[in-house]
């Protein structure tokens, strides 16, 4: 069995040592000490709540390349849930439910690129996402990618090899409108040209 490497971060050493010691005997994971040079596959962050200090820790981890972070928190309200996800957390565990079995399960899921959220929190997160789409994005014609439906459609046709005139005819736009859409898109996302824009859209799964 391949062991998933894990590093534990906590504000206080007792919490850190407690989580690390509960996982250390498990054959599925290998706990890295703070002195280890190995890059962990999964980072566990232990916190009482999702406050500014916790967010700073998540921000630091993201800046330093930790792509798979699991948050163990005592208190998780709706706002905390959304903020944690915004900062790249892929797994959430309530501290009261953080048994060794549960943590190993979430760590293994995270290492495979799968999210893990308690069912009731997942329902609340989906509700928050739906509310955001309805109240903020839909009125502006935007999607969660930050692109409008029109921008995505233009990019799709560019990717299919159509020139500006054909795209304009296909979408019933003027050629100037198509050029403006592409100019605004490449400027906003700091893309070099149409090919770069298509590559970005493909990489992000937008088309």
N, C-alpha and C. Protein backbone atom coordinates (compact mmCIF):
# COMPACT_ATOMS: atom_id res chain seq x y z
N UNK A 1 0.84 -1.20 0.00
CA UNK A 1 0.00 0.00 0.00
C UNK A 1 0.88 1.25 0.00
N UNK A 2 0.55 2.19 -0.88
CA UNK A 2 1.28 3.46 -0.92
C UNK A 2 0.81 4.35 0.23
N UNK A 3 1.75 4.87 0.99
CA UNK A 3 1.39 5.71 2.12
C UNK A 3 1.33 7.17 1.69
N UNK A 4 0.28 7.85 2.09
CA UNK A 4 0.12 9.27 1.77
C UNK A 4 0.90 10.09 2.79
N UNK A 5 1.75 10.98 2.31
CA UNK A 5 2.52 11.82 3.22
C UNK A 5 1.66 13.00 3.67
N UNK A 6 1.71 13.26 4.97
CA UNK A 6 0.84 14.26 5.59
C UNK A 6 1.65 15.13 6.54
N UNK A 7 1.37 16.44 6.51
CA UNK A 7 1.94 17.35 7.51
C UNK A 7 0.80 18.02 8.24
N UNK A 8 0.94 18.17 9.56
CA UNK A 8 -0.10 18.76 10.41
C UNK A 8 0.32 20.16 10.85
N UNK A 9 -0.60 21.12 10.68
CA UNK A 9 -0.39 22.49 11.17
C UNK A 9 -1.46 22.78 12.21
N UNK A 10 -1.05 23.37 13.34
CA UNK A 10 -2.02 23.80 14.35
C UNK A 10 -1.45 24.99 15.09
N UNK A 11 -2.35 25.80 15.64
CA UNK A 11 -1.92 26.99 16.37
C UNK A 11 -1.16 26.60 17.63
N UNK A 12 -1.64 25.56 18.30
CA UNK A 12 -0.97 25.14 19.54
C UNK A 12 -0.34 23.77 19.35
N UNK A 13 0.80 23.53 19.97
CA UNK A 13 1.53 22.27 19.79
C UNK A 13 0.78 21.05 20.31
N UNK A 14 -0.10 21.24 21.28
CA UNK A 14 -0.84 20.10 21.82
C UNK A 14 -1.80 19.54 20.77
N UNK A 15 -2.54 20.43 20.09
CA UNK A 15 -3.44 19.98 19.03
C UNK A 15 -2.67 19.31 17.91
N UNK A 16 -1.56 19.93 17.54
CA UNK A 16 -0.74 19.37 16.46
C UNK A 16 -0.23 17.99 16.82
N UNK A 17 0.28 17.86 18.03
CA UNK A 17 0.82 16.57 18.47
C UNK A 17 -0.29 15.53 18.59
N UNK A 18 -1.48 15.96 19.03
CA UNK A 18 -2.58 15.03 19.20
C UNK A 18 -3.03 14.43 17.87
N UNK A 19 -3.21 15.29 16.86
CA UNK A 19 -3.63 14.78 15.55
C UNK A 19 -2.53 13.91 14.95
N UNK A 20 -1.29 14.37 15.04
CA UNK A 20 -0.18 13.61 14.47
C UNK A 20 -0.03 12.24 15.13
N UNK A 21 -0.16 12.20 16.45
CA UNK A 21 0.00 10.92 17.16
C UNK A 21 -1.13 9.95 16.86
N UNK A 22 -2.34 10.48 16.62
CA UNK A 22 -3.46 9.59 16.30
C UNK A 22 -3.31 8.96 14.91
N UNK A 23 -2.60 9.66 14.03
CA UNK A 23 -2.43 9.14 12.67
C UNK A 23 -1.13 8.36 12.47
N UNK A 24 -0.15 8.62 13.30
CA UNK A 24 1.17 8.02 13.07
C UNK A 24 1.14 6.49 13.01
N UNK A 25 0.33 5.80 13.81
CA UNK A 25 0.34 4.33 13.73
C UNK A 25 -0.35 3.77 12.47
N UNK A 26 -1.07 4.59 11.74
CA UNK A 26 -1.84 4.10 10.61
C UNK A 26 -0.94 3.81 9.41
N UNK A 27 -1.09 2.63 8.82
CA UNK A 27 -0.23 2.26 7.69
C UNK A 27 -0.56 3.03 6.41
N UNK A 28 -1.74 3.67 6.34
CA UNK A 28 -2.14 4.38 5.12
C UNK A 28 -1.44 5.72 4.95
N UNK A 29 -0.91 6.28 6.06
CA UNK A 29 -0.33 7.62 5.99
C UNK A 29 1.06 7.63 6.63
N UNK A 30 1.85 8.63 6.23
CA UNK A 30 3.15 8.86 6.86
C UNK A 30 3.21 10.32 7.28
N UNK A 31 3.33 10.55 8.58
CA UNK A 31 3.34 11.91 9.12
C UNK A 31 4.73 12.51 9.01
N UNK A 32 4.79 13.68 8.40
CA UNK A 32 6.07 14.39 8.28
C UNK A 32 6.22 15.37 9.42
N UNK A 33 7.40 15.42 10.00
CA UNK A 33 7.69 16.41 11.02
C UNK A 33 8.01 17.75 10.37
N UNK A 34 8.01 18.81 11.17
CA UNK A 34 8.28 20.14 10.62
C UNK A 34 9.70 20.25 10.07
N UNK A 35 10.58 19.37 10.54
CA UNK A 35 11.97 19.42 10.06
C UNK A 35 12.18 18.61 8.79
N UNK A 36 11.19 17.80 8.40
CA UNK A 36 11.32 16.99 7.19
C UNK A 36 11.30 17.88 5.94
N UNK A 37 12.17 17.53 5.00
CA UNK A 37 12.23 18.31 3.76
C UNK A 37 11.23 17.84 2.71
N UNK A 38 10.67 16.65 2.90
CA UNK A 38 9.73 16.12 1.91
C UNK A 38 8.51 17.02 1.79
N UNK A 39 7.99 17.13 0.58
CA UNK A 39 6.76 17.89 0.35
C UNK A 39 5.56 17.00 0.62
N UNK A 40 4.68 17.39 1.53
CA UNK A 40 3.52 16.53 1.85
C UNK A 40 2.52 16.50 0.71
N UNK A 41 1.87 15.36 0.56
CA UNK A 41 0.79 15.27 -0.43
C UNK A 41 -0.47 15.96 0.09
N UNK A 42 -0.68 15.89 1.39
CA UNK A 42 -1.85 16.50 2.02
C UNK A 42 -1.42 17.24 3.28
N UNK A 43 -1.99 18.41 3.49
CA UNK A 43 -1.72 19.18 4.70
C UNK A 43 -3.00 19.25 5.53
N UNK A 44 -2.89 18.91 6.82
CA UNK A 44 -4.01 19.02 7.74
C UNK A 44 -3.83 20.30 8.57
N UNK A 45 -4.83 21.17 8.55
CA UNK A 45 -4.81 22.39 9.35
C UNK A 45 -5.85 22.26 10.46
N UNK A 46 -5.40 22.39 11.69
CA UNK A 46 -6.29 22.25 12.85
C UNK A 46 -6.56 23.64 13.42
N UNK A 47 -7.84 23.99 13.58
CA UNK A 47 -8.20 25.32 14.08
C UNK A 47 -9.49 25.25 14.87
N UNK A 48 -9.68 26.24 15.75
CA UNK A 48 -10.95 26.33 16.47
C UNK A 48 -12.04 26.86 15.55
N UNK A 49 -11.71 27.88 14.76
CA UNK A 49 -12.68 28.49 13.85
C UNK A 49 -11.95 29.05 12.65
N UNK A 50 -12.73 29.39 11.64
CA UNK A 50 -12.15 29.97 10.43
C UNK A 50 -12.11 31.48 10.61
N UNK A 51 -11.07 31.94 11.32
CA UNK A 51 -10.90 33.37 11.54
C UNK A 51 -9.74 33.87 10.67
N UNK A 52 -9.35 35.10 10.87
CA UNK A 52 -8.30 35.68 10.02
C UNK A 52 -6.98 34.94 10.15
N UNK A 53 -6.69 34.47 11.35
CA UNK A 53 -5.44 33.72 11.55
C UNK A 53 -5.46 32.43 10.75
N UNK A 54 -6.59 31.73 10.77
CA UNK A 54 -6.71 30.50 10.00
C UNK A 54 -6.60 30.78 8.52
N UNK A 55 -7.26 31.84 8.06
CA UNK A 55 -7.19 32.19 6.64
C UNK A 55 -5.77 32.56 6.22
N UNK A 56 -5.03 33.20 7.12
CA UNK A 56 -3.63 33.53 6.82
C UNK A 56 -2.80 32.26 6.66
N UNK A 57 -3.10 31.27 7.49
CA UNK A 57 -2.40 29.98 7.36
C UNK A 57 -2.72 29.33 6.03
N UNK A 58 -4.00 29.34 5.65
CA UNK A 58 -4.40 28.76 4.37
C UNK A 58 -3.77 29.52 3.21
N UNK A 59 -3.72 30.86 3.35
CA UNK A 59 -3.11 31.68 2.31
C UNK A 59 -1.62 31.34 2.16
N UNK A 60 -0.93 31.20 3.30
CA UNK A 60 0.49 30.86 3.29
C UNK A 60 0.72 29.50 2.62
N UNK A 61 -0.11 28.52 2.96
CA UNK A 61 0.05 27.19 2.39
C UNK A 61 -0.17 27.20 0.89
N UNK A 62 -1.18 27.95 0.44
CA UNK A 62 -1.46 28.01 -0.99
C UNK A 62 -0.31 28.68 -1.74
N UNK A 63 0.25 29.76 -1.16
CA UNK A 63 1.38 30.44 -1.79
C UNK A 63 2.59 29.53 -1.91
N UNK A 64 2.70 28.57 -0.99
CA UNK A 64 3.87 27.70 -0.96
C UNK A 64 3.60 26.34 -1.60
N UNK A 65 2.56 26.28 -2.41
CA UNK A 65 2.35 25.11 -3.25
C UNK A 65 1.56 23.97 -2.65
N UNK A 66 0.93 24.17 -1.50
CA UNK A 66 0.11 23.11 -0.91
C UNK A 66 -1.26 23.11 -1.59
N UNK A 67 -1.45 22.18 -2.51
CA UNK A 67 -2.69 22.18 -3.29
C UNK A 67 -3.80 21.35 -2.65
N UNK A 68 -3.45 20.50 -1.70
CA UNK A 68 -4.44 19.63 -1.08
C UNK A 68 -4.44 19.84 0.43
N UNK A 69 -5.36 20.68 0.87
CA UNK A 69 -5.43 21.06 2.28
C UNK A 69 -6.76 20.59 2.87
N UNK A 70 -6.68 19.96 4.02
CA UNK A 70 -7.87 19.53 4.77
C UNK A 70 -7.93 20.35 6.04
N UNK A 71 -9.10 20.92 6.32
CA UNK A 71 -9.28 21.75 7.50
C UNK A 71 -10.08 21.00 8.55
N UNK A 72 -9.52 20.94 9.75
CA UNK A 72 -10.22 20.38 10.91
C UNK A 72 -10.57 21.55 11.82
N UNK A 73 -11.85 21.83 11.98
CA UNK A 73 -12.27 23.01 12.75
C UNK A 73 -13.36 22.65 13.74
N UNK A 74 -13.31 23.34 14.89
CA UNK A 74 -14.33 23.11 15.92
C UNK A 74 -15.66 23.72 15.52
N UNK A 75 -15.61 24.91 14.90
CA UNK A 75 -16.84 25.62 14.53
C UNK A 75 -16.82 25.94 13.05
N UNK A 76 -17.89 25.56 12.37
CA UNK A 76 -18.01 25.81 10.93
C UNK A 76 -19.39 26.34 10.62
N UNK A 77 -19.51 27.67 10.45
CA UNK A 77 -20.79 28.22 10.02
C UNK A 77 -20.76 28.41 8.51
N UNK A 78 -21.85 28.92 7.94
CA UNK A 78 -21.95 29.03 6.49
C UNK A 78 -20.85 29.91 5.91
N UNK A 79 -20.59 31.03 6.56
CA UNK A 79 -19.57 31.95 6.06
C UNK A 79 -18.19 31.31 6.11
N UNK A 80 -17.91 30.61 7.21
CA UNK A 80 -16.61 29.94 7.36
C UNK A 80 -16.44 28.88 6.28
N UNK A 81 -17.53 28.18 6.00
CA UNK A 81 -17.49 27.14 4.99
C UNK A 81 -17.09 27.70 3.63
N UNK A 82 -17.74 28.78 3.23
CA UNK A 82 -17.45 29.39 1.93
C UNK A 82 -16.03 29.95 1.90
N UNK A 83 -15.61 30.63 2.97
CA UNK A 83 -14.25 31.19 3.00
C UNK A 83 -13.20 30.10 2.89
N UNK A 84 -13.41 28.99 3.57
CA UNK A 84 -12.44 27.89 3.52
C UNK A 84 -12.30 27.36 2.10
N UNK A 85 -13.43 27.20 1.43
CA UNK A 85 -13.40 26.70 0.05
C UNK A 85 -12.72 27.71 -0.86
N UNK A 86 -13.00 29.00 -0.64
CA UNK A 86 -12.36 30.05 -1.44
C UNK A 86 -10.84 29.99 -1.32
N UNK A 87 -10.35 29.57 -0.16
CA UNK A 87 -8.91 29.53 0.07
C UNK A 87 -8.30 28.17 -0.28
N UNK A 88 -9.05 27.36 -1.01
CA UNK A 88 -8.47 26.14 -1.57
C UNK A 88 -8.59 24.88 -0.74
N UNK A 89 -9.36 24.90 0.34
CA UNK A 89 -9.53 23.70 1.16
C UNK A 89 -10.32 22.65 0.37
N UNK A 90 -9.82 21.41 0.34
CA UNK A 90 -10.50 20.34 -0.41
C UNK A 90 -11.23 19.37 0.51
N UNK A 91 -10.97 19.46 1.81
CA UNK A 91 -11.64 18.58 2.76
C UNK A 91 -11.94 19.31 4.05
N UNK A 92 -13.10 19.04 4.62
CA UNK A 92 -13.52 19.66 5.88
C UNK A 92 -13.94 18.58 6.86
N UNK A 93 -13.46 18.70 8.09
CA UNK A 93 -13.82 17.75 9.14
C UNK A 93 -14.11 18.53 10.41
N UNK A 94 -15.25 18.25 11.03
CA UNK A 94 -15.50 18.85 12.34
C UNK A 94 -14.56 18.22 13.36
N UNK A 95 -14.09 19.04 14.26
CA UNK A 95 -13.14 18.55 15.25
C UNK A 95 -13.75 17.42 16.08
N UNK A 96 -15.04 17.53 16.38
CA UNK A 96 -15.71 16.50 17.18
C UNK A 96 -15.83 15.17 16.44
N UNK A 97 -15.64 15.20 15.11
CA UNK A 97 -15.77 13.98 14.30
C UNK A 97 -14.41 13.51 13.78
N UNK A 98 -13.33 14.12 14.27
CA UNK A 98 -11.99 13.87 13.73
C UNK A 98 -11.35 12.63 14.35
N UNK A 99 -11.99 11.47 14.14
CA UNK A 99 -11.38 10.22 14.56
C UNK A 99 -10.27 9.86 13.58
N UNK A 100 -9.41 8.94 13.98
CA UNK A 100 -8.33 8.52 13.10
C UNK A 100 -8.90 7.94 11.80
N UNK A 101 -9.95 7.13 11.92
CA UNK A 101 -10.55 6.53 10.72
C UNK A 101 -11.08 7.61 9.78
N UNK A 102 -11.77 8.60 10.34
CA UNK A 102 -12.34 9.66 9.50
C UNK A 102 -11.23 10.48 8.84
N UNK A 103 -10.18 10.80 9.58
CA UNK A 103 -9.09 11.59 9.02
C UNK A 103 -8.36 10.84 7.92
N UNK A 104 -8.13 9.55 8.14
CA UNK A 104 -7.47 8.75 7.10
C UNK A 104 -8.32 8.72 5.83
N UNK A 105 -9.63 8.57 5.99
CA UNK A 105 -10.52 8.54 4.84
C UNK A 105 -10.47 9.85 4.07
N UNK A 106 -10.51 10.98 4.78
CA UNK A 106 -10.49 12.29 4.13
C UNK A 106 -9.14 12.55 3.48
N UNK A 107 -8.06 12.16 4.15
CA UNK A 107 -6.72 12.34 3.60
C UNK A 107 -6.56 11.55 2.31
N UNK A 108 -7.01 10.31 2.32
CA UNK A 108 -6.90 9.49 1.11
C UNK A 108 -7.71 10.08 -0.03
N UNK A 109 -8.91 10.58 0.28
CA UNK A 109 -9.74 11.21 -0.75
C UNK A 109 -9.04 12.44 -1.32
N UNK A 110 -8.48 13.27 -0.42
CA UNK A 110 -7.79 14.47 -0.87
C UNK A 110 -6.60 14.13 -1.75
N UNK A 111 -5.87 13.08 -1.40
CA UNK A 111 -4.69 12.71 -2.19
C UNK A 111 -5.07 12.27 -3.60
N UNK A 112 -6.32 11.80 -3.76
CA UNK A 112 -6.80 11.37 -5.07
C UNK A 112 -7.49 12.50 -5.82
N UNK A 113 -7.47 13.71 -5.23
CA UNK A 113 -8.09 14.85 -5.87
C UNK A 113 -9.59 14.93 -5.65
N UNK A 114 -10.09 14.21 -4.66
CA UNK A 114 -11.52 14.20 -4.37
C UNK A 114 -11.81 15.07 -3.15
N UNK A 115 -12.90 15.79 -3.17
CA UNK A 115 -13.30 16.60 -2.03
C UNK A 115 -14.00 15.75 -0.98
N UNK A 116 -14.00 16.22 0.24
CA UNK A 116 -14.67 15.52 1.33
C UNK A 116 -15.26 16.55 2.29
N UNK A 117 -16.58 16.59 2.34
CA UNK A 117 -17.30 17.55 3.19
C UNK A 117 -18.43 16.82 3.88
N UNK A 118 -18.67 17.05 5.18
CA UNK A 118 -19.81 16.43 5.85
C UNK A 118 -21.10 16.71 5.07
N UNK A 119 -22.00 15.71 4.95
CA UNK A 119 -23.18 15.86 4.10
C UNK A 119 -24.01 17.11 4.38
N UNK A 120 -24.21 17.47 5.65
CA UNK A 120 -25.03 18.65 5.93
C UNK A 120 -24.32 19.94 5.50
N UNK A 121 -22.98 19.95 5.61
CA UNK A 121 -22.23 21.12 5.16
C UNK A 121 -22.23 21.20 3.63
N UNK A 122 -22.21 20.05 2.97
CA UNK A 122 -22.24 20.06 1.52
C UNK A 122 -23.55 20.67 1.02
N UNK A 123 -24.65 20.30 1.66
CA UNK A 123 -25.93 20.88 1.28
C UNK A 123 -25.95 22.38 1.46
N UNK A 124 -25.39 22.87 2.56
CA UNK A 124 -25.35 24.31 2.79
C UNK A 124 -24.43 25.01 1.80
N UNK A 125 -23.31 24.35 1.44
CA UNK A 125 -22.40 24.93 0.47
C UNK A 125 -23.07 25.06 -0.89
N UNK A 126 -23.78 24.02 -1.31
CA UNK A 126 -24.47 24.07 -2.59
C UNK A 126 -25.55 25.16 -2.59
N UNK A 127 -26.20 25.34 -1.44
CA UNK A 127 -27.20 26.40 -1.34
C UNK A 127 -26.55 27.77 -1.49
N UNK A 128 -25.39 27.95 -0.87
CA UNK A 128 -24.65 29.21 -0.98
C UNK A 128 -24.22 29.46 -2.43
N UNK A 129 -23.76 28.40 -3.09
CA UNK A 129 -23.33 28.53 -4.48
C UNK A 129 -24.51 28.93 -5.36
N UNK A 130 -25.65 28.28 -5.15
CA UNK A 130 -26.83 28.60 -5.93
C UNK A 130 -27.29 30.03 -5.71
N UNK A 131 -27.23 30.49 -4.46
CA UNK A 131 -27.64 31.86 -4.14
C UNK A 131 -26.70 32.87 -4.81
N UNK A 132 -25.41 32.56 -4.79
CA UNK A 132 -24.45 33.44 -5.44
C UNK A 132 -24.70 33.54 -6.94
N UNK A 133 -24.97 32.38 -7.55
CA UNK A 133 -25.24 32.38 -8.99
C UNK A 133 -26.48 33.21 -9.32
N UNK A 134 -27.54 33.05 -8.52
CA UNK A 134 -28.81 33.73 -8.80
C UNK A 134 -28.73 35.23 -8.55
N UNK A 135 -28.07 35.62 -7.45
CA UNK A 135 -28.13 37.03 -7.05
C UNK A 135 -27.00 37.88 -7.59
N UNK A 136 -25.84 37.26 -7.86
CA UNK A 136 -24.68 38.05 -8.26
C UNK A 136 -24.26 37.82 -9.71
N UNK A 137 -24.21 36.58 -10.12
CA UNK A 137 -23.65 36.28 -11.43
C UNK A 137 -24.68 36.36 -12.55
N UNK A 138 -25.84 35.74 -12.34
CA UNK A 138 -26.87 35.74 -13.40
C UNK A 138 -27.24 37.14 -13.87
N UNK A 139 -27.47 38.10 -12.93
CA UNK A 139 -27.85 39.44 -13.41
C UNK A 139 -26.78 40.10 -14.28
N UNK A 140 -25.53 39.66 -14.15
CA UNK A 140 -24.45 40.23 -14.95
C UNK A 140 -24.07 39.35 -16.14
N UNK A 141 -24.83 38.26 -16.32
CA UNK A 141 -24.52 37.35 -17.41
C UNK A 141 -23.21 36.62 -17.24
N UNK A 142 -22.78 36.44 -15.98
CA UNK A 142 -21.49 35.82 -15.71
C UNK A 142 -21.66 34.39 -15.22
N UNK A 143 -20.57 33.62 -15.31
CA UNK A 143 -20.54 32.27 -14.77
C UNK A 143 -19.47 32.22 -13.68
N UNK A 144 -19.32 31.07 -13.02
CA UNK A 144 -18.33 30.94 -11.96
C UNK A 144 -16.90 31.00 -12.49
N UNK A 145 -16.74 30.82 -13.77
CA UNK A 145 -15.40 30.93 -14.35
C UNK A 145 -14.95 32.38 -14.43
N UNK A 146 -15.89 33.32 -14.24
CA UNK A 146 -15.56 34.73 -14.40
C UNK A 146 -15.77 35.20 -15.83
N UNK A 147 -16.20 34.31 -16.70
CA UNK A 147 -16.48 34.66 -18.08
C UNK A 147 -17.98 34.69 -18.32
N UNK A 148 -18.40 35.53 -19.22
CA UNK A 148 -19.81 35.56 -19.59
C UNK A 148 -20.10 34.44 -20.57
N UNK A 149 -21.39 34.12 -20.71
CA UNK A 149 -21.78 33.09 -21.67
C UNK A 149 -21.35 33.49 -23.07
N UNK A 150 -21.42 34.79 -23.38
CA UNK A 150 -21.02 35.27 -24.71
C UNK A 150 -19.52 35.06 -24.92
N UNK A 151 -18.72 35.33 -23.91
CA UNK A 151 -17.27 35.14 -24.04
C UNK A 151 -16.93 33.68 -24.27
N UNK A 152 -17.61 32.80 -23.55
CA UNK A 152 -17.35 31.37 -23.70
C UNK A 152 -17.73 30.91 -25.10
N UNK A 153 -18.86 31.41 -25.61
CA UNK A 153 -19.30 31.01 -26.95
C UNK A 153 -18.33 31.50 -28.01
N UNK A 154 -17.84 32.73 -27.87
CA UNK A 154 -16.86 33.24 -28.83
C UNK A 154 -15.58 32.40 -28.78
N UNK A 155 -15.11 32.07 -27.58
CA UNK A 155 -13.90 31.26 -27.45
C UNK A 155 -14.09 29.88 -28.07
N UNK A 156 -15.28 29.31 -27.89
CA UNK A 156 -15.54 27.98 -28.48
C UNK A 156 -15.40 28.03 -29.99
N UNK A 157 -15.92 29.08 -30.61
CA UNK A 157 -15.85 29.19 -32.07
C UNK A 157 -14.42 29.50 -32.53
N UNK A 158 -13.69 30.28 -31.76
CA UNK A 158 -12.27 30.52 -32.08
C UNK A 158 -11.52 29.20 -32.05
N UNK A 159 -11.80 28.38 -31.03
CA UNK A 159 -11.13 27.08 -30.90
C UNK A 159 -11.46 26.16 -32.07
N UNK A 160 -12.62 26.35 -32.68
CA UNK A 160 -13.00 25.53 -33.83
C UNK A 160 -12.41 26.06 -35.14
N UNK A 161 -11.65 27.14 -35.05
CA UNK A 161 -10.92 27.63 -36.20
C UNK A 161 -11.62 28.69 -37.03
N UNK A 162 -12.74 29.21 -36.52
CA UNK A 162 -13.48 30.22 -37.29
C UNK A 162 -12.82 31.59 -37.15
N UNK A 163 -12.89 32.38 -38.23
CA UNK A 163 -12.36 33.73 -38.16
C UNK A 163 -13.43 34.69 -37.63
N UNK A 164 -13.05 35.95 -37.46
CA UNK A 164 -13.94 36.94 -36.86
C UNK A 164 -15.25 37.07 -37.63
N UNK A 165 -15.17 37.10 -38.96
CA UNK A 165 -16.37 37.28 -39.78
C UNK A 165 -17.34 36.12 -39.59
N UNK A 166 -16.81 34.90 -39.56
CA UNK A 166 -17.68 33.72 -39.40
C UNK A 166 -18.30 33.70 -38.01
N UNK A 167 -17.51 34.04 -36.98
CA UNK A 167 -18.04 34.07 -35.62
C UNK A 167 -19.16 35.10 -35.52
N UNK A 168 -18.95 36.26 -36.12
CA UNK A 168 -19.97 37.30 -36.09
C UNK A 168 -21.25 36.82 -36.75
N UNK A 169 -21.12 36.13 -37.88
CA UNK A 169 -22.30 35.62 -38.58
C UNK A 169 -22.99 34.53 -37.77
N UNK A 170 -22.20 33.66 -37.19
CA UNK A 170 -22.74 32.54 -36.41
C UNK A 170 -23.54 33.02 -35.20
N UNK A 171 -23.05 34.08 -34.55
CA UNK A 171 -23.67 34.56 -33.31
C UNK A 171 -24.55 35.79 -33.53
N UNK A 172 -24.67 36.21 -34.77
CA UNK A 172 -25.46 37.41 -35.09
C UNK A 172 -24.94 38.65 -34.37
N UNK A 173 -23.61 38.76 -34.33
CA UNK A 173 -22.95 39.94 -33.79
C UNK A 173 -22.29 40.69 -34.93
N UNK A 174 -21.89 41.91 -34.67
CA UNK A 174 -21.03 42.60 -35.62
C UNK A 174 -19.60 42.12 -35.41
N UNK A 175 -18.76 42.29 -36.43
CA UNK A 175 -17.36 41.91 -36.28
C UNK A 175 -16.69 42.74 -35.19
N UNK A 176 -17.09 44.00 -35.07
CA UNK A 176 -16.53 44.85 -34.02
C UNK A 176 -16.84 44.28 -32.63
N UNK A 177 -18.08 43.77 -32.47
CA UNK A 177 -18.45 43.19 -31.17
C UNK A 177 -17.59 41.98 -30.85
N UNK A 178 -17.36 41.13 -31.84
CA UNK A 178 -16.53 39.94 -31.62
C UNK A 178 -15.11 40.36 -31.24
N UNK A 179 -14.57 41.35 -31.95
CA UNK A 179 -13.22 41.83 -31.64
C UNK A 179 -13.16 42.43 -30.24
N UNK A 180 -14.22 43.16 -29.86
CA UNK A 180 -14.24 43.76 -28.52
C UNK A 180 -14.32 42.69 -27.43
N UNK A 181 -15.11 41.64 -27.68
CA UNK A 181 -15.22 40.55 -26.72
C UNK A 181 -13.85 39.91 -26.50
N UNK A 182 -13.16 39.63 -27.58
CA UNK A 182 -11.84 39.00 -27.47
C UNK A 182 -10.82 39.93 -26.84
N UNK A 183 -10.89 41.20 -27.18
CA UNK A 183 -9.95 42.17 -26.59
C UNK A 183 -10.17 42.29 -25.09
N UNK A 184 -11.44 42.42 -24.68
CA UNK A 184 -11.75 42.55 -23.25
C UNK A 184 -11.31 41.30 -22.49
N UNK A 185 -11.55 40.14 -23.09
CA UNK A 185 -11.20 38.87 -22.46
C UNK A 185 -9.70 38.73 -22.27
N UNK A 186 -8.95 38.96 -23.34
CA UNK A 186 -7.50 38.79 -23.25
C UNK A 186 -6.87 39.83 -22.33
N UNK A 187 -7.42 41.05 -22.32
CA UNK A 187 -6.89 42.09 -21.43
C UNK A 187 -7.17 41.76 -19.97
N UNK A 188 -8.40 41.37 -19.68
CA UNK A 188 -8.78 41.09 -18.29
C UNK A 188 -8.01 39.92 -17.70
N UNK A 189 -7.79 38.89 -18.51
CA UNK A 189 -7.11 37.69 -18.02
C UNK A 189 -5.61 37.70 -18.31
N UNK A 190 -5.12 38.82 -18.87
CA UNK A 190 -3.70 38.98 -19.18
C UNK A 190 -3.20 37.86 -20.09
N UNK A 191 -3.97 37.62 -21.15
CA UNK A 191 -3.61 36.62 -22.15
C UNK A 191 -2.99 37.33 -23.36
N UNK A 192 -2.08 36.65 -24.03
CA UNK A 192 -1.30 37.31 -25.09
C UNK A 192 -2.08 37.48 -26.39
N UNK A 193 -2.85 36.46 -26.76
CA UNK A 193 -3.54 36.50 -28.05
C UNK A 193 -4.66 35.47 -28.05
N UNK A 194 -5.27 35.28 -29.23
CA UNK A 194 -6.40 34.34 -29.32
C UNK A 194 -5.98 32.91 -28.97
N UNK A 195 -4.82 32.51 -29.46
CA UNK A 195 -4.35 31.15 -29.18
C UNK A 195 -4.16 30.93 -27.68
N UNK A 196 -3.60 31.93 -27.03
CA UNK A 196 -3.41 31.85 -25.58
C UNK A 196 -4.76 31.78 -24.88
N UNK A 197 -5.74 32.53 -25.37
CA UNK A 197 -7.08 32.52 -24.78
C UNK A 197 -7.73 31.15 -24.92
N UNK A 198 -7.58 30.53 -26.09
CA UNK A 198 -8.13 29.19 -26.31
C UNK A 198 -7.45 28.18 -25.39
N UNK A 199 -6.12 28.28 -25.28
CA UNK A 199 -5.38 27.37 -24.40
C UNK A 199 -5.86 27.51 -22.96
N UNK A 200 -6.06 28.76 -22.53
CA UNK A 200 -6.56 29.01 -21.17
C UNK A 200 -7.93 28.38 -20.98
N UNK A 201 -8.83 28.57 -21.95
CA UNK A 201 -10.19 28.04 -21.82
C UNK A 201 -10.19 26.51 -21.78
N UNK A 202 -9.32 25.90 -22.58
CA UNK A 202 -9.23 24.44 -22.57
C UNK A 202 -8.67 23.92 -21.25
N UNK A 203 -7.65 24.60 -20.76
CA UNK A 203 -7.01 24.19 -19.50
C UNK A 203 -7.98 24.30 -18.33
N UNK A 204 -8.83 25.34 -18.37
CA UNK A 204 -9.78 25.55 -17.27
C UNK A 204 -11.08 24.79 -17.46
N UNK A 205 -11.18 24.04 -18.56
CA UNK A 205 -12.39 23.26 -18.81
C UNK A 205 -13.59 24.08 -19.17
N UNK A 206 -13.38 25.24 -19.78
CA UNK A 206 -14.49 26.14 -20.11
C UNK A 206 -15.10 25.81 -21.46
N UNK A 207 -14.33 25.17 -22.31
CA UNK A 207 -14.83 24.78 -23.63
C UNK A 207 -14.41 23.34 -23.93
